[in-house]
Each structure stands twice: as C-alpha cells, then as structure tokens.
Amino acid sequence: MKVIAGVDEVGRGSLIGPVYAAAVILNKNINIKLLKDSKSIKKEEREILSKYIKKNSIWAIGKASKNEVDKINILQASLLAMKRAIKKLKKKPSYVLVDGNKIPVMNNYKMKAIIKGDTKIPAISAASIIAKVARDNFIILLSKKNKGYYWEKNFGYGTKQHLKALTKLGITKHHRKTFSPVAKISKHNI
C-alpha cells in the first residue's frame, strides 16, 4: 500500500525567525473536506484543525533557523526544513508530494513538486496548517519579548507597521539580516 506524505513550508517571506515545514501522512479516517490551504482559514479554525490533523495522522515539523536562512538563502533553508520534517516522520512514505516547484534532494525518497499543492492535495493542506500554527505560535512568543514590532499581528512579514518599527526601534537578533528591508536598515546603522 502506498504511503503518501504531504509537505509544505511557512515563513519564507517573513523578515524574522526560522522557516518551518511540516510533513504529514494522513490516516484513512480523516475528513479531507476540512483540509484547505492554511492561508484561507481563520486563525481559530486553523488551531482546531491543527489539533485534529495531529490526532489523525503521522506528522513531523522541521525548521531552519534564522542564521541558516541568512547563511544559505531562504530557498535552501526552506528545502532544509522540509528535509528535516520528512526525516522525522515515524513512518517512511512511499511517495512525498511537496508544495511548490522545488523539492529537497533526498536519496531513497520518491518526490514530486506540485504548484499550489496546498489547494489541491489534502496531505499538503494538512502540512500547511500544522506548519503555520506551529510557526505563528512561536512568533507570538517572540513578540512578547520584542514589543513594538507587532509580530503577534504581522508574524514578521514586512507590513508598514513592522517596517516603521524596524526604522524606529532597529534590528533585533531575530531579523534575517540578508532580507532587503533589514539589510538596508543595517547599512544605514554602520
């Protein structure tokens, strides 16, 4: 019997923190009608769905740190987070479906990239939900220690509010130094 894992990442465009990825193998009894792209679901519903998915699947989360993002670039860091999530699964999938147009290089794994897979493949939708909830919760914790950047609302993305705070309060240790808005500010502060 084929065991299919869905994989997605979250946090690529954020100016702060790690990039997260989740890998999910759904149980047969899960209600796939509930699964959609995480970005199309309200926060409260995502939290509930994440718990439901975790109870009804084999899942794992992988991360690539802010330092890894700065060192190897966001694409490579995203692929690294995906690879870590896949390797952490308690069961090896026969096939891995990855959201997007790139796949991590992994020997002995059959993989396929699917553009907009998070809207087409339930296992990828499930991975997008788990990854988003996990990263959002981590960023909310960071926001409590880094007041004024409104990360609890913008999750580190380059909103007007965040960019204004960056200019006013400066760069934190959580900011990705290689990302354009952050890099521009650090050049001005030299």
N, C-alpha and C. Protein backbone atom coordinates (compact mmCIF):
# COMPACT_ATOMS: atom_id res chain seq x y z
N MET A 1 0.82 -1.19 0.00
CA MET A 1 0.00 0.00 0.00
C MET A 1 0.87 1.26 0.00
N LYS A 2 0.51 2.22 -0.84
CA LYS A 2 1.28 3.46 -0.93
C LYS A 2 1.03 4.35 0.27
N VAL A 3 2.11 4.84 0.85
CA VAL A 3 2.02 5.79 1.96
C VAL A 3 2.48 7.14 1.42
N ILE A 4 1.53 8.09 1.35
CA ILE A 4 1.85 9.40 0.77
C ILE A 4 1.97 10.44 1.87
N ALA A 5 3.05 11.21 1.79
CA ALA A 5 3.25 12.34 2.71
C ALA A 5 3.10 13.64 1.94
N GLY A 6 2.46 14.59 2.56
CA GLY A 6 2.38 15.95 2.02
C GLY A 6 3.33 16.83 2.80
N VAL A 7 3.98 17.77 2.10
CA VAL A 7 4.96 18.64 2.74
C VAL A 7 4.73 20.08 2.30
N ASP A 8 4.80 20.99 3.27
CA ASP A 8 4.70 22.42 2.96
C ASP A 8 5.53 23.19 3.97
N GLU A 9 5.90 24.40 3.59
CA GLU A 9 6.67 25.27 4.48
C GLU A 9 5.89 26.54 4.72
N VAL A 10 6.31 27.26 5.76
CA VAL A 10 5.71 28.56 6.07
C VAL A 10 6.79 29.48 6.62
N GLY A 11 6.65 30.75 6.30
CA GLY A 11 7.58 31.75 6.83
C GLY A 11 8.66 32.20 5.86
N ARG A 12 8.54 31.82 4.60
CA ARG A 12 9.57 32.21 3.63
C ARG A 12 9.70 33.72 3.49
N GLY A 13 8.58 34.41 3.44
CA GLY A 13 8.62 35.85 3.20
C GLY A 13 8.77 36.71 4.43
N SER A 14 8.78 36.08 5.60
CA SER A 14 8.90 36.82 6.86
C SER A 14 10.30 37.41 6.97
N LEU A 15 10.40 38.52 7.68
CA LEU A 15 11.69 39.17 7.89
C LEU A 15 12.40 38.64 9.14
N ILE A 16 11.70 37.78 9.87
CA ILE A 16 12.25 37.30 11.14
C ILE A 16 12.15 35.78 11.28
N GLY A 17 12.98 35.27 12.16
CA GLY A 17 12.84 33.92 12.66
C GLY A 17 13.08 32.79 11.68
N PRO A 18 12.84 31.58 12.17
CA PRO A 18 13.05 30.39 11.36
C PRO A 18 11.96 30.18 10.32
N VAL A 19 12.28 29.37 9.33
CA VAL A 19 11.27 28.88 8.38
C VAL A 19 10.89 27.50 8.89
N TYR A 20 9.59 27.22 8.89
CA TYR A 20 9.06 25.95 9.37
C TYR A 20 8.55 25.13 8.19
N ALA A 21 8.60 23.82 8.33
CA ALA A 21 7.99 22.92 7.35
C ALA A 21 7.32 21.79 8.13
N ALA A 22 6.27 21.26 7.56
CA ALA A 22 5.62 20.09 8.16
C ALA A 22 5.49 19.01 7.10
N ALA A 23 5.56 17.77 7.54
CA ALA A 23 5.32 16.61 6.69
C ALA A 23 4.20 15.83 7.35
N VAL A 24 3.21 15.43 6.56
CA VAL A 24 2.03 14.77 7.11
C VAL A 24 1.64 13.55 6.27
N ILE A 25 1.39 12.45 6.96
CA ILE A 25 0.80 11.25 6.35
C ILE A 25 -0.57 11.12 7.00
N LEU A 26 -1.61 11.32 6.23
CA LEU A 26 -2.97 11.30 6.77
C LEU A 26 -3.46 9.88 7.01
N ASN A 27 -4.20 9.71 8.10
CA ASN A 27 -4.90 8.43 8.34
C ASN A 27 -6.09 8.36 7.40
N LYS A 28 -6.53 7.15 7.11
CA LYS A 28 -7.65 6.95 6.18
C LYS A 28 -8.95 7.58 6.68
N ASN A 29 -9.13 7.64 8.01
CA ASN A 29 -10.40 8.11 8.56
C ASN A 29 -10.54 9.63 8.65
N ILE A 30 -9.53 10.38 8.27
CA ILE A 30 -9.59 11.84 8.39
C ILE A 30 -10.59 12.42 7.37
N ASN A 31 -11.29 13.47 7.79
CA ASN A 31 -12.24 14.14 6.90
C ASN A 31 -11.48 15.15 6.03
N ILE A 32 -11.16 14.75 4.81
CA ILE A 32 -10.34 15.60 3.93
C ILE A 32 -11.09 16.84 3.45
N LYS A 33 -12.40 16.87 3.59
CA LYS A 33 -13.18 18.05 3.18
C LYS A 33 -12.85 19.26 4.06
N LEU A 34 -12.33 19.00 5.25
CA LEU A 34 -11.97 20.09 6.17
C LEU A 34 -10.63 20.74 5.81
N LEU A 35 -9.84 20.06 4.98
CA LEU A 35 -8.47 20.50 4.73
C LEU A 35 -8.37 21.43 3.53
N LYS A 36 -7.80 22.62 3.78
CA LYS A 36 -7.58 23.64 2.75
C LYS A 36 -6.24 24.30 3.00
N ASP A 37 -5.87 25.17 2.11
CA ASP A 37 -4.65 25.96 2.29
C ASP A 37 -4.78 26.76 3.58
N SER A 38 -3.77 26.72 4.42
CA SER A 38 -3.81 27.38 5.73
C SER A 38 -4.10 28.87 5.64
N LYS A 39 -3.67 29.51 4.55
CA LYS A 39 -3.87 30.96 4.41
C LYS A 39 -5.34 31.31 4.20
N SER A 40 -6.15 30.34 3.80
CA SER A 40 -7.56 30.60 3.54
C SER A 40 -8.45 30.28 4.76
N ILE A 41 -7.82 29.96 5.89
CA ILE A 41 -8.56 29.57 7.10
C ILE A 41 -8.29 30.57 8.21
N LYS A 42 -9.33 30.93 8.95
CA LYS A 42 -9.17 31.85 10.08
C LYS A 42 -8.33 31.20 11.17
N LYS A 43 -7.63 32.04 11.94
CA LYS A 43 -6.69 31.59 12.97
C LYS A 43 -7.31 30.55 13.92
N GLU A 44 -8.50 30.84 14.46
CA GLU A 44 -9.13 29.94 15.43
C GLU A 44 -9.42 28.57 14.80
N GLU A 45 -9.91 28.58 13.57
CA GLU A 45 -10.20 27.33 12.87
C GLU A 45 -8.92 26.55 12.58
N ARG A 46 -7.86 27.29 12.23
CA ARG A 46 -6.55 26.65 11.98
C ARG A 46 -6.06 25.91 13.22
N GLU A 47 -6.20 26.55 14.38
CA GLU A 47 -5.76 25.95 15.65
C GLU A 47 -6.49 24.62 15.89
N ILE A 48 -7.81 24.63 15.69
CA ILE A 48 -8.64 23.43 15.89
C ILE A 48 -8.25 22.35 14.88
N LEU A 49 -8.11 22.77 13.60
CA LEU A 49 -7.74 21.81 12.56
C LEU A 49 -6.36 21.20 12.80
N SER A 50 -5.42 22.01 13.27
CA SER A 50 -4.07 21.51 13.54
C SER A 50 -4.13 20.38 14.56
N LYS A 51 -4.90 20.57 15.63
CA LYS A 51 -5.05 19.51 16.65
C LYS A 51 -5.71 18.27 16.06
N TYR A 52 -6.74 18.49 15.25
CA TYR A 52 -7.46 17.38 14.60
C TYR A 52 -6.53 16.58 13.69
N ILE A 53 -5.73 17.30 12.89
CA ILE A 53 -4.79 16.65 11.97
C ILE A 53 -3.76 15.84 12.76
N LYS A 54 -3.22 16.43 13.83
CA LYS A 54 -2.20 15.75 14.63
C LYS A 54 -2.74 14.45 15.24
N LYS A 55 -4.01 14.47 15.63
CA LYS A 55 -4.63 13.26 16.20
C LYS A 55 -4.89 12.19 15.14
N ASN A 56 -5.04 12.62 13.88
CA ASN A 56 -5.44 11.71 12.80
C ASN A 56 -4.39 11.58 11.70
N SER A 57 -3.13 11.63 12.09
CA SER A 57 -2.07 11.50 11.09
C SER A 57 -0.74 11.20 11.75
N ILE A 58 0.22 10.90 10.92
CA ILE A 58 1.62 10.83 11.33
C ILE A 58 2.20 12.15 10.84
N TRP A 59 2.82 12.91 11.71
CA TRP A 59 3.28 14.23 11.30
C TRP A 59 4.62 14.56 11.97
N ALA A 60 5.30 15.52 11.36
CA ALA A 60 6.56 16.00 11.93
C ALA A 60 6.80 17.42 11.44
N ILE A 61 7.53 18.17 12.26
CA ILE A 61 7.88 19.55 11.89
C ILE A 61 9.39 19.65 11.80
N GLY A 62 9.85 20.36 10.78
CA GLY A 62 11.27 20.65 10.63
C GLY A 62 11.44 22.16 10.55
N LYS A 63 12.60 22.64 10.97
CA LYS A 63 12.86 24.08 10.95
C LYS A 63 14.25 24.34 10.38
N ALA A 64 14.40 25.54 9.86
CA ALA A 64 15.74 26.05 9.54
C ALA A 64 15.82 27.41 10.23
N SER A 65 16.86 27.61 10.98
CA SER A 65 16.99 28.81 11.82
C SER A 65 17.20 30.08 10.99
N LYS A 66 17.02 31.19 11.67
CA LYS A 66 17.27 32.49 11.06
C LYS A 66 18.71 32.57 10.55
N ASN A 67 19.64 32.03 11.31
CA ASN A 67 21.05 32.04 10.90
C ASN A 67 21.27 31.19 9.65
N GLU A 68 20.56 30.05 9.58
CA GLU A 68 20.66 29.21 8.38
C GLU A 68 20.06 29.92 7.17
N VAL A 69 18.95 30.63 7.38
CA VAL A 69 18.34 31.41 6.30
C VAL A 69 19.35 32.42 5.77
N ASP A 70 20.01 33.14 6.67
CA ASP A 70 20.99 34.15 6.26
C ASP A 70 22.22 33.53 5.60
N LYS A 71 22.59 32.33 6.05
CA LYS A 71 23.79 31.69 5.53
C LYS A 71 23.59 31.03 4.16
N ILE A 72 22.46 30.30 3.99
CA ILE A 72 22.32 29.50 2.76
C ILE A 72 21.21 30.00 1.83
N ASN A 73 20.50 31.02 2.18
CA ASN A 73 19.39 31.69 1.49
C ASN A 73 18.05 31.03 1.82
N ILE A 74 16.99 31.74 1.60
CA ILE A 74 15.66 31.29 2.04
C ILE A 74 15.18 30.04 1.29
N LEU A 75 15.48 29.93 0.01
CA LEU A 75 15.05 28.74 -0.72
C LEU A 75 15.72 27.50 -0.15
N GLN A 76 17.05 27.55 0.01
CA GLN A 76 17.78 26.39 0.54
C GLN A 76 17.36 26.08 1.98
N ALA A 77 17.09 27.12 2.76
CA ALA A 77 16.65 26.92 4.15
C ALA A 77 15.26 26.27 4.17
N SER A 78 14.39 26.66 3.25
CA SER A 78 13.05 26.06 3.16
C SER A 78 13.16 24.58 2.82
N LEU A 79 14.01 24.26 1.87
CA LEU A 79 14.23 22.86 1.46
C LEU A 79 14.84 22.05 2.61
N LEU A 80 15.73 22.68 3.38
CA LEU A 80 16.35 22.03 4.53
C LEU A 80 15.30 21.74 5.61
N ALA A 81 14.41 22.70 5.86
CA ALA A 81 13.33 22.48 6.84
C ALA A 81 12.43 21.33 6.40
N MET A 82 12.13 21.29 5.09
CA MET A 82 11.31 20.20 4.54
C MET A 82 12.00 18.85 4.75
N LYS A 83 13.28 18.80 4.41
CA LYS A 83 14.06 17.57 4.56
C LYS A 83 14.03 17.09 6.01
N ARG A 84 14.20 18.02 6.95
CA ARG A 84 14.19 17.67 8.37
C ARG A 84 12.83 17.12 8.79
N ALA A 85 11.75 17.73 8.29
CA ALA A 85 10.40 17.25 8.63
C ALA A 85 10.18 15.84 8.08
N ILE A 86 10.57 15.62 6.84
CA ILE A 86 10.39 14.30 6.21
C ILE A 86 11.16 13.23 6.97
N LYS A 87 12.40 13.54 7.33
CA LYS A 87 13.25 12.56 8.05
C LYS A 87 12.71 12.25 9.44
N LYS A 88 11.99 13.19 10.04
CA LYS A 88 11.45 12.98 11.40
C LYS A 88 10.18 12.14 11.42
N LEU A 89 9.55 11.93 10.28
CA LEU A 89 8.33 11.12 10.24
C LEU A 89 8.60 9.74 10.83
N LYS A 90 7.68 9.24 11.63
CA LYS A 90 7.86 7.92 12.26
C LYS A 90 7.69 6.77 11.28
N LYS A 91 7.15 7.07 10.11
CA LYS A 91 6.97 6.06 9.06
C LYS A 91 7.52 6.65 7.76
N LYS A 92 8.30 5.86 7.05
CA LYS A 92 8.85 6.36 5.78
C LYS A 92 7.78 6.30 4.70
N PRO A 93 7.50 7.45 4.06
CA PRO A 93 6.49 7.44 2.99
C PRO A 93 7.02 6.79 1.72
N SER A 94 6.09 6.20 0.94
CA SER A 94 6.49 5.65 -0.37
C SER A 94 6.63 6.78 -1.37
N TYR A 95 5.90 7.87 -1.11
CA TYR A 95 5.90 9.00 -2.05
C TYR A 95 5.71 10.28 -1.27
N VAL A 96 6.43 11.34 -1.65
CA VAL A 96 6.33 12.63 -0.98
C VAL A 96 5.87 13.68 -1.99
N LEU A 97 4.79 14.37 -1.66
CA LEU A 97 4.27 15.45 -2.50
C LEU A 97 4.57 16.77 -1.81
N VAL A 98 5.28 17.64 -2.52
CA VAL A 98 5.77 18.89 -1.94
C VAL A 98 5.08 20.07 -2.60
N ASP A 99 4.62 21.02 -1.78
CA ASP A 99 4.01 22.23 -2.32
C ASP A 99 5.09 23.08 -2.99
N GLY A 100 4.79 23.59 -4.18
CA GLY A 100 5.72 24.48 -4.86
C GLY A 100 6.31 23.86 -6.11
N ASN A 101 7.46 24.40 -6.51
CA ASN A 101 8.09 23.91 -7.75
C ASN A 101 9.49 23.35 -7.51
N LYS A 102 9.87 23.18 -6.25
CA LYS A 102 11.18 22.62 -5.91
C LYS A 102 11.00 21.54 -4.85
N ILE A 103 11.89 20.56 -4.89
CA ILE A 103 11.87 19.51 -3.87
C ILE A 103 13.24 19.41 -3.22
N PRO A 104 13.27 19.00 -1.95
CA PRO A 104 14.58 18.79 -1.33
C PRO A 104 15.25 17.56 -1.93
N VAL A 105 16.55 17.59 -2.02
CA VAL A 105 17.29 16.44 -2.56
C VAL A 105 17.45 15.44 -1.41
N MET A 106 16.84 14.26 -1.61
CA MET A 106 16.92 13.21 -0.59
C MET A 106 17.03 11.87 -1.29
N ASN A 107 18.09 11.15 -0.99
CA ASN A 107 18.26 9.82 -1.57
C ASN A 107 17.20 8.88 -1.01
N ASN A 108 16.77 7.94 -1.82
CA ASN A 108 15.82 6.90 -1.42
C ASN A 108 14.41 7.41 -1.09
N TYR A 109 14.06 8.58 -1.60
CA TYR A 109 12.70 9.09 -1.46
C TYR A 109 12.18 9.47 -2.84
N LYS A 110 10.97 9.02 -3.16
CA LYS A 110 10.33 9.44 -4.40
C LYS A 110 9.54 10.71 -4.08
N MET A 111 9.77 11.76 -4.88
CA MET A 111 9.13 13.04 -4.60
C MET A 111 8.62 13.70 -5.86
N LYS A 112 7.62 14.56 -5.64
CA LYS A 112 7.09 15.36 -6.74
C LYS A 112 6.68 16.73 -6.19
N ALA A 113 7.06 17.78 -6.91
CA ALA A 113 6.63 19.14 -6.55
C ALA A 113 5.30 19.42 -7.23
N ILE A 114 4.40 20.03 -6.50
CA ILE A 114 3.09 20.37 -7.05
C ILE A 114 2.80 21.84 -6.76
N ILE A 115 2.76 22.63 -7.83
CA ILE A 115 2.47 24.06 -7.68
C ILE A 115 1.04 24.21 -7.16
N LYS A 116 0.89 25.04 -6.14
CA LYS A 116 -0.39 25.25 -5.44
C LYS A 116 -0.93 23.94 -4.87
N GLY A 117 -0.01 23.08 -4.48
CA GLY A 117 -0.38 21.79 -3.89
C GLY A 117 -1.20 21.93 -2.62
N ASP A 118 -0.98 23.04 -1.89
CA ASP A 118 -1.74 23.25 -0.65
C ASP A 118 -3.22 23.49 -0.90
N THR A 119 -3.59 23.75 -2.16
CA THR A 119 -5.01 23.92 -2.50
C THR A 119 -5.57 22.69 -3.22
N LYS A 120 -4.70 21.74 -3.57
CA LYS A 120 -5.12 20.58 -4.37
C LYS A 120 -5.01 19.24 -3.65
N ILE A 121 -4.03 19.10 -2.78
CA ILE A 121 -3.71 17.81 -2.17
C ILE A 121 -3.95 17.89 -0.65
N PRO A 122 -4.90 17.11 -0.12
CA PRO A 122 -5.23 17.19 1.31
C PRO A 122 -4.02 17.04 2.24
N ALA A 123 -3.10 16.14 1.94
CA ALA A 123 -1.94 15.95 2.82
C ALA A 123 -1.04 17.19 2.84
N ILE A 124 -0.94 17.89 1.71
CA ILE A 124 -0.16 19.14 1.67
C ILE A 124 -0.92 20.23 2.42
N SER A 125 -2.24 20.29 2.25
CA SER A 125 -3.05 21.26 3.01
C SER A 125 -2.85 21.05 4.51
N ALA A 126 -2.88 19.79 4.93
CA ALA A 126 -2.68 19.46 6.34
C ALA A 126 -1.31 19.92 6.82
N ALA A 127 -0.29 19.70 5.99
CA ALA A 127 1.06 20.14 6.35
C ALA A 127 1.13 21.66 6.46
N SER A 128 0.45 22.37 5.57
CA SER A 128 0.47 23.83 5.61
C SER A 128 -0.19 24.34 6.89
N ILE A 129 -1.25 23.66 7.33
CA ILE A 129 -1.96 24.07 8.56
C ILE A 129 -1.07 23.85 9.79
N ILE A 130 -0.50 22.65 9.89
CA ILE A 130 0.36 22.34 11.05
C ILE A 130 1.57 23.29 11.10
N ALA A 131 2.22 23.49 9.98
CA ALA A 131 3.40 24.35 9.93
C ALA A 131 3.04 25.79 10.31
N LYS A 132 1.94 26.29 9.78
CA LYS A 132 1.55 27.69 10.06
C LYS A 132 1.21 27.88 11.53
N VAL A 133 0.44 26.98 12.10
CA VAL A 133 0.08 27.11 13.51
C VAL A 133 1.33 27.06 14.39
N ALA A 134 2.23 26.13 14.11
CA ALA A 134 3.46 26.00 14.90
C ALA A 134 4.31 27.26 14.81
N ARG A 135 4.51 27.78 13.60
CA ARG A 135 5.35 28.97 13.44
C ARG A 135 4.67 30.20 14.04
N ASP A 136 3.37 30.35 13.77
CA ASP A 136 2.65 31.50 14.33
C ASP A 136 2.75 31.53 15.85
N ASN A 137 2.58 30.38 16.49
CA ASN A 137 2.67 30.32 17.96
C ASN A 137 4.07 30.68 18.44
N PHE A 138 5.09 30.25 17.71
CA PHE A 138 6.47 30.61 18.06
C PHE A 138 6.68 32.12 17.93
N ILE A 139 6.18 32.71 16.85
CA ILE A 139 6.35 34.15 16.61
C ILE A 139 5.59 34.96 17.65
N ILE A 140 4.42 34.48 18.08
CA ILE A 140 3.66 35.18 19.13
C ILE A 140 4.47 35.22 20.42
N LEU A 141 5.16 34.13 20.75
CA LEU A 141 6.04 34.12 21.93
C LEU A 141 7.18 35.13 21.77
N LEU A 142 7.78 35.18 20.57
CA LEU A 142 8.85 36.16 20.30
C LEU A 142 8.34 37.59 20.44
N SER A 143 7.09 37.83 20.03
CA SER A 143 6.54 39.18 20.05
C SER A 143 6.39 39.70 21.48
N LYS A 144 6.18 38.79 22.44
CA LYS A 144 6.05 39.19 23.85
C LYS A 144 7.37 39.71 24.40
N LYS A 145 8.47 39.25 23.83
CA LYS A 145 9.80 39.69 24.28
C LYS A 145 10.35 40.83 23.43
N ASN A 146 9.69 41.12 22.31
CA ASN A 146 10.14 42.16 21.38
C ASN A 146 8.97 43.08 21.05
N LYS A 147 8.59 43.86 22.04
CA LYS A 147 7.41 44.73 21.91
C LYS A 147 7.65 45.83 20.89
N GLY A 148 6.56 46.25 20.26
CA GLY A 148 6.63 47.38 19.34
C GLY A 148 6.75 47.02 17.88
N TYR A 149 7.04 45.74 17.58
CA TYR A 149 7.14 45.31 16.18
C TYR A 149 5.82 44.71 15.68
N TYR A 150 4.91 44.44 16.61
CA TYR A 150 3.58 43.89 16.30
C TYR A 150 3.64 42.53 15.59
N TRP A 151 4.63 41.72 15.97
CA TRP A 151 4.77 40.41 15.35
C TRP A 151 3.57 39.52 15.61
N GLU A 152 2.87 39.77 16.74
CA GLU A 152 1.67 38.97 17.04
C GLU A 152 0.57 39.20 16.00
N LYS A 153 0.70 40.28 15.24
CA LYS A 153 -0.27 40.58 14.18
C LYS A 153 0.32 40.34 12.78
N ASN A 154 1.59 40.73 12.57
CA ASN A 154 2.17 40.62 11.22
C ASN A 154 3.08 39.40 11.05
N PHE A 155 3.35 38.69 12.12
CA PHE A 155 4.16 37.47 12.11
C PHE A 155 5.52 37.65 11.43
N GLY A 156 6.01 38.89 11.51
CA GLY A 156 7.34 39.18 10.98
C GLY A 156 7.38 39.58 9.53
N TYR A 157 6.22 39.58 8.87
CA TYR A 157 6.19 39.98 7.46
C TYR A 157 6.37 41.49 7.36
N GLY A 158 6.79 41.96 6.21
CA GLY A 158 7.16 43.36 6.01
C GLY A 158 5.99 44.31 5.85
N THR A 159 5.08 44.32 6.82
CA THR A 159 3.95 45.25 6.78
C THR A 159 4.45 46.67 7.05
N LYS A 160 3.64 47.66 6.76
CA LYS A 160 4.01 49.06 7.04
C LYS A 160 4.34 49.23 8.52
N GLN A 161 3.52 48.63 9.36
CA GLN A 161 3.71 48.70 10.80
C GLN A 161 5.06 48.12 11.23
N HIS A 162 5.40 46.98 10.68
CA HIS A 162 6.67 46.33 11.03
C HIS A 162 7.85 47.15 10.50
N LEU A 163 7.76 47.61 9.27
CA LEU A 163 8.85 48.39 8.68
C LEU A 163 9.07 49.70 9.43
N LYS A 164 7.97 50.30 9.86
CA LYS A 164 8.06 51.55 10.65
C LYS A 164 8.76 51.27 11.98
N ALA A 165 8.39 50.17 12.63
CA ALA A 165 9.02 49.78 13.89
C ALA A 165 10.50 49.45 13.69
N LEU A 166 10.82 48.81 12.58
CA LEU A 166 12.23 48.49 12.27
C LEU A 166 13.06 49.77 12.21
N THR A 167 12.54 50.77 11.51
CA THR A 167 13.24 52.05 11.38
C THR A 167 13.38 52.73 12.74
N LYS A 168 12.32 52.68 13.51
CA LYS A 168 12.29 53.36 14.82
C LYS A 168 13.08 52.61 15.89
N LEU A 169 12.87 51.30 16.00
CA LEU A 169 13.45 50.51 17.09
C LEU A 169 14.73 49.77 16.71
N GLY A 170 14.97 49.62 15.41
CA GLY A 170 16.17 48.93 14.95
C GLY A 170 15.96 47.43 14.77
N ILE A 171 17.03 46.77 14.42
CA ILE A 171 17.02 45.34 14.09
C ILE A 171 17.22 44.53 15.36
N THR A 172 16.46 43.45 15.48
CA THR A 172 16.64 42.54 16.61
C THR A 172 17.51 41.36 16.16
N LYS A 173 17.87 40.52 17.12
CA LYS A 173 18.65 39.32 16.80
C LYS A 173 17.81 38.31 16.01
N HIS A 174 16.50 38.54 15.95
CA HIS A 174 15.60 37.62 15.24
C HIS A 174 15.42 37.99 13.77
N HIS A 175 15.86 39.18 13.38
CA HIS A 175 15.69 39.62 11.99
C HIS A 175 16.67 38.91 11.06
N ARG A 176 16.18 38.60 9.88
CA ARG A 176 17.02 37.99 8.84
C ARG A 176 17.81 39.11 8.17
N LYS A 177 19.10 39.13 8.44
CA LYS A 177 19.97 40.24 8.01
C LYS A 177 20.13 40.34 6.49
N THR A 178 19.89 39.23 5.78
CA THR A 178 20.07 39.24 4.33
C THR A 178 18.82 39.68 3.58
N PHE A 179 17.71 39.87 4.29
CA PHE A 179 16.46 40.30 3.63
C PHE A 179 16.50 41.80 3.40
N SER A 180 16.12 42.22 2.22
CA SER A 180 16.27 43.59 1.74
C SER A 180 15.94 44.70 2.75
N PRO A 181 14.73 44.77 3.31
CA PRO A 181 14.44 45.88 4.22
C PRO A 181 15.36 45.90 5.44
N VAL A 182 15.71 44.73 5.94
CA VAL A 182 16.59 44.62 7.10
C VAL A 182 18.01 45.01 6.71
N ALA A 183 18.47 44.52 5.58
CA ALA A 183 19.82 44.83 5.09
C ALA A 183 20.00 46.33 4.87
N LYS A 184 18.97 46.98 4.31
CA LYS A 184 19.03 48.43 4.07
C LYS A 184 19.18 49.20 5.37
N ILE A 185 18.42 48.79 6.39
CA ILE A 185 18.49 49.48 7.69
C ILE A 185 19.84 49.26 8.34
N SER A 186 20.37 48.03 8.27
CA SER A 186 21.67 47.76 8.89
C SER A 186 22.79 48.53 8.21
N LYS A 187 22.68 48.79 6.90
CA LYS A 187 23.69 49.59 6.20
C LYS A 187 23.68 51.03 6.70
N HIS A 188 22.48 51.55 6.98
CA HIS A 188 22.36 52.92 7.48
C HIS A 188 22.91 53.06 8.90
N ASN A 189 22.92 51.96 9.64
CA ASN A 189 23.36 51.99 11.02
C ASN A 189 24.85 51.71 11.20
N ILE A 190 25.57 51.52 10.09
CA ILE A 190 27.02 51.23 10.19
C ILE A 190 27.78 52.52 10.42
